[in-house]
Protein backbone atom coordinates (compact mmCIF):
# COMPACT_ATOMS: atom_id res chain seq x y z
CA MET A 1 43.92 29.01 -30.82
CA LYS A 2 44.45 27.33 -27.48
CA SER A 3 47.63 27.95 -25.55
CA LYS A 4 49.91 25.02 -24.70
CA GLU A 5 48.62 25.14 -21.14
CA GLU A 6 44.96 25.16 -22.24
CA TYR A 7 45.68 22.20 -24.52
CA TYR A 8 47.41 20.35 -21.69
CA GLU A 9 44.41 20.94 -19.40
CA LEU A 10 42.13 19.59 -22.14
CA VAL A 11 44.28 16.44 -22.44
CA LEU A 12 44.11 15.94 -18.66
CA ALA A 13 40.32 16.35 -18.71
CA ASN A 14 40.02 13.86 -21.59
CA ARG A 15 42.19 11.35 -19.72
CA GLU A 16 39.74 11.54 -16.85
CA LEU A 17 36.76 11.16 -19.19
CA VAL A 18 38.07 7.92 -20.71
CA LYS A 19 38.28 6.42 -17.22
CA ASN A 20 34.49 6.76 -16.90
CA PRO A 21 32.72 3.57 -18.07
CA LYS A 22 29.60 5.58 -19.00
CA VAL A 23 31.61 7.73 -21.40
CA MET A 24 33.38 4.71 -22.89
CA ALA A 25 30.28 2.50 -23.29
CA CYS A 26 29.20 1.68 -26.83
CA THR A 27 26.10 3.78 -27.60
CA CYS A 28 25.01 1.81 -30.64
CA PRO A 29 21.57 0.23 -30.15
CA SER A 30 22.47 -2.61 -32.55
CA THR A 31 23.51 -4.97 -29.76
CA LEU A 32 23.41 -7.96 -32.10
CA CYS A 33 26.04 -6.37 -34.33
CA GLU A 34 29.25 -8.41 -34.33
CA TRP A 35 31.26 -5.26 -33.60
CA HIS A 36 29.03 -3.87 -30.81
CA GLY A 37 31.33 -2.62 -28.06
CA LYS A 38 34.37 -2.88 -30.34
CA CYS A 39 34.18 0.74 -31.43
CA ARG A 40 37.71 0.98 -32.79
CA GLU A 41 37.12 -1.97 -35.12
CA CYS A 42 33.65 -0.70 -36.06
CA VAL A 43 34.90 2.76 -37.06
CA ALA A 44 37.85 1.27 -38.94
CA LEU A 45 35.51 -0.97 -40.96
CA HIS A 46 33.17 1.93 -41.76
CA ARG A 47 36.15 4.00 -42.91
CA TYR A 48 37.49 1.15 -45.03
CA HIS A 49 34.19 0.39 -46.76
CA HIS A 50 33.08 4.04 -47.16
CA ASP A 51 29.60 2.65 -46.55
CA HIS A 52 28.04 5.03 -44.05
CA VAL A 53 28.78 6.69 -40.74
CA PRO A 54 28.65 4.38 -37.69
CA TYR A 55 25.30 4.59 -35.91
CA CYS A 56 26.83 6.11 -32.78
CA LEU A 57 28.09 9.12 -34.78
CA GLN A 58 25.00 9.63 -36.95
CA SER A 59 23.10 11.81 -34.46
CA ILE A 60 26.07 14.16 -34.09
CA LEU A 61 26.41 14.60 -37.84
CA SER A 62 22.65 14.67 -38.40
CA ASP A 63 22.24 17.64 -36.07
CA LYS A 64 24.99 19.57 -37.84
CA ILE A 65 23.82 18.65 -41.35
CA SER A 66 20.19 19.43 -40.49
CA ALA A 67 21.19 22.91 -39.35
CA LEU A 68 23.14 23.41 -42.56
CA ALA A 69 20.31 21.99 -44.70
CA GLN A 70 17.81 24.26 -42.98
CA THR A 71 19.97 27.23 -43.91
CA ALA A 72 19.93 26.07 -47.54
CA GLU A 73 16.22 25.13 -47.32
CA LEU A 74 16.94 21.47 -48.10
CA ILE A 75 15.36 18.31 -46.70
CA VAL A 76 17.37 15.70 -44.80
CA GLY A 77 16.17 12.09 -44.57
CA LYS A 78 17.21 9.34 -42.18
CA LYS A 79 19.04 6.32 -43.60
CA GLU A 80 17.31 2.98 -43.21
CA GLY A 81 19.10 0.74 -40.68
CA THR A 82 20.15 -2.89 -41.07
CA PRO A 83 17.16 -5.14 -40.29
CA LEU A 84 17.44 -7.05 -37.03
CA GLU A 85 16.72 -10.27 -38.92
CA TYR A 86 19.97 -9.85 -40.85
CA ARG A 87 22.02 -9.74 -37.67
CA GLU A 88 20.17 -12.77 -36.30
CA TYR A 89 20.81 -14.57 -39.61
CA VAL A 90 24.57 -13.96 -39.25
CA ARG A 91 24.54 -15.45 -35.75
CA GLU A 92 22.51 -18.44 -36.93
CA ARG A 93 24.88 -19.08 -39.83
CA ASP A 94 27.90 -18.74 -37.56
CA ARG A 95 26.42 -21.31 -35.18
CA LYS A 96 25.72 -23.73 -38.02
CA GLU A 97 29.24 -23.34 -39.38
CA GLY A 98 30.87 -23.62 -35.95
CA LYS A 99 32.14 -20.04 -35.86
CA LYS A 100 32.27 -18.03 -32.66
C-alpha cells in the first residue's frame, strides 16, 4: 500500500498530467459521434446503458482480457463498431429536424 506521501505525490503528478492537452484529448476515432470529445458524458451513457465499453477504453481492457484468455486457452474476438453511415444519418436527421 502506498504511504500518504506517495499518494500525495501521485495526486500532484496526475494534476500535472491533466494540464497536458495531449493527455486530455479524446482518443476515440469516431469523430462523427455526438459525444466525441465529451468523455465524461460518453462514459456516463455507456455506464447507464450497460451496452459496451467506450471505444477509448477497449484497447486497455482487450489487452488485459487477451492475456487472461490466453492463460485459459480461450479466443477473444473484437466487437463490431457502429457503421459510419449511422453517425452520418443522425447528423442528416438532426439537420432536417433543425436540431444542433
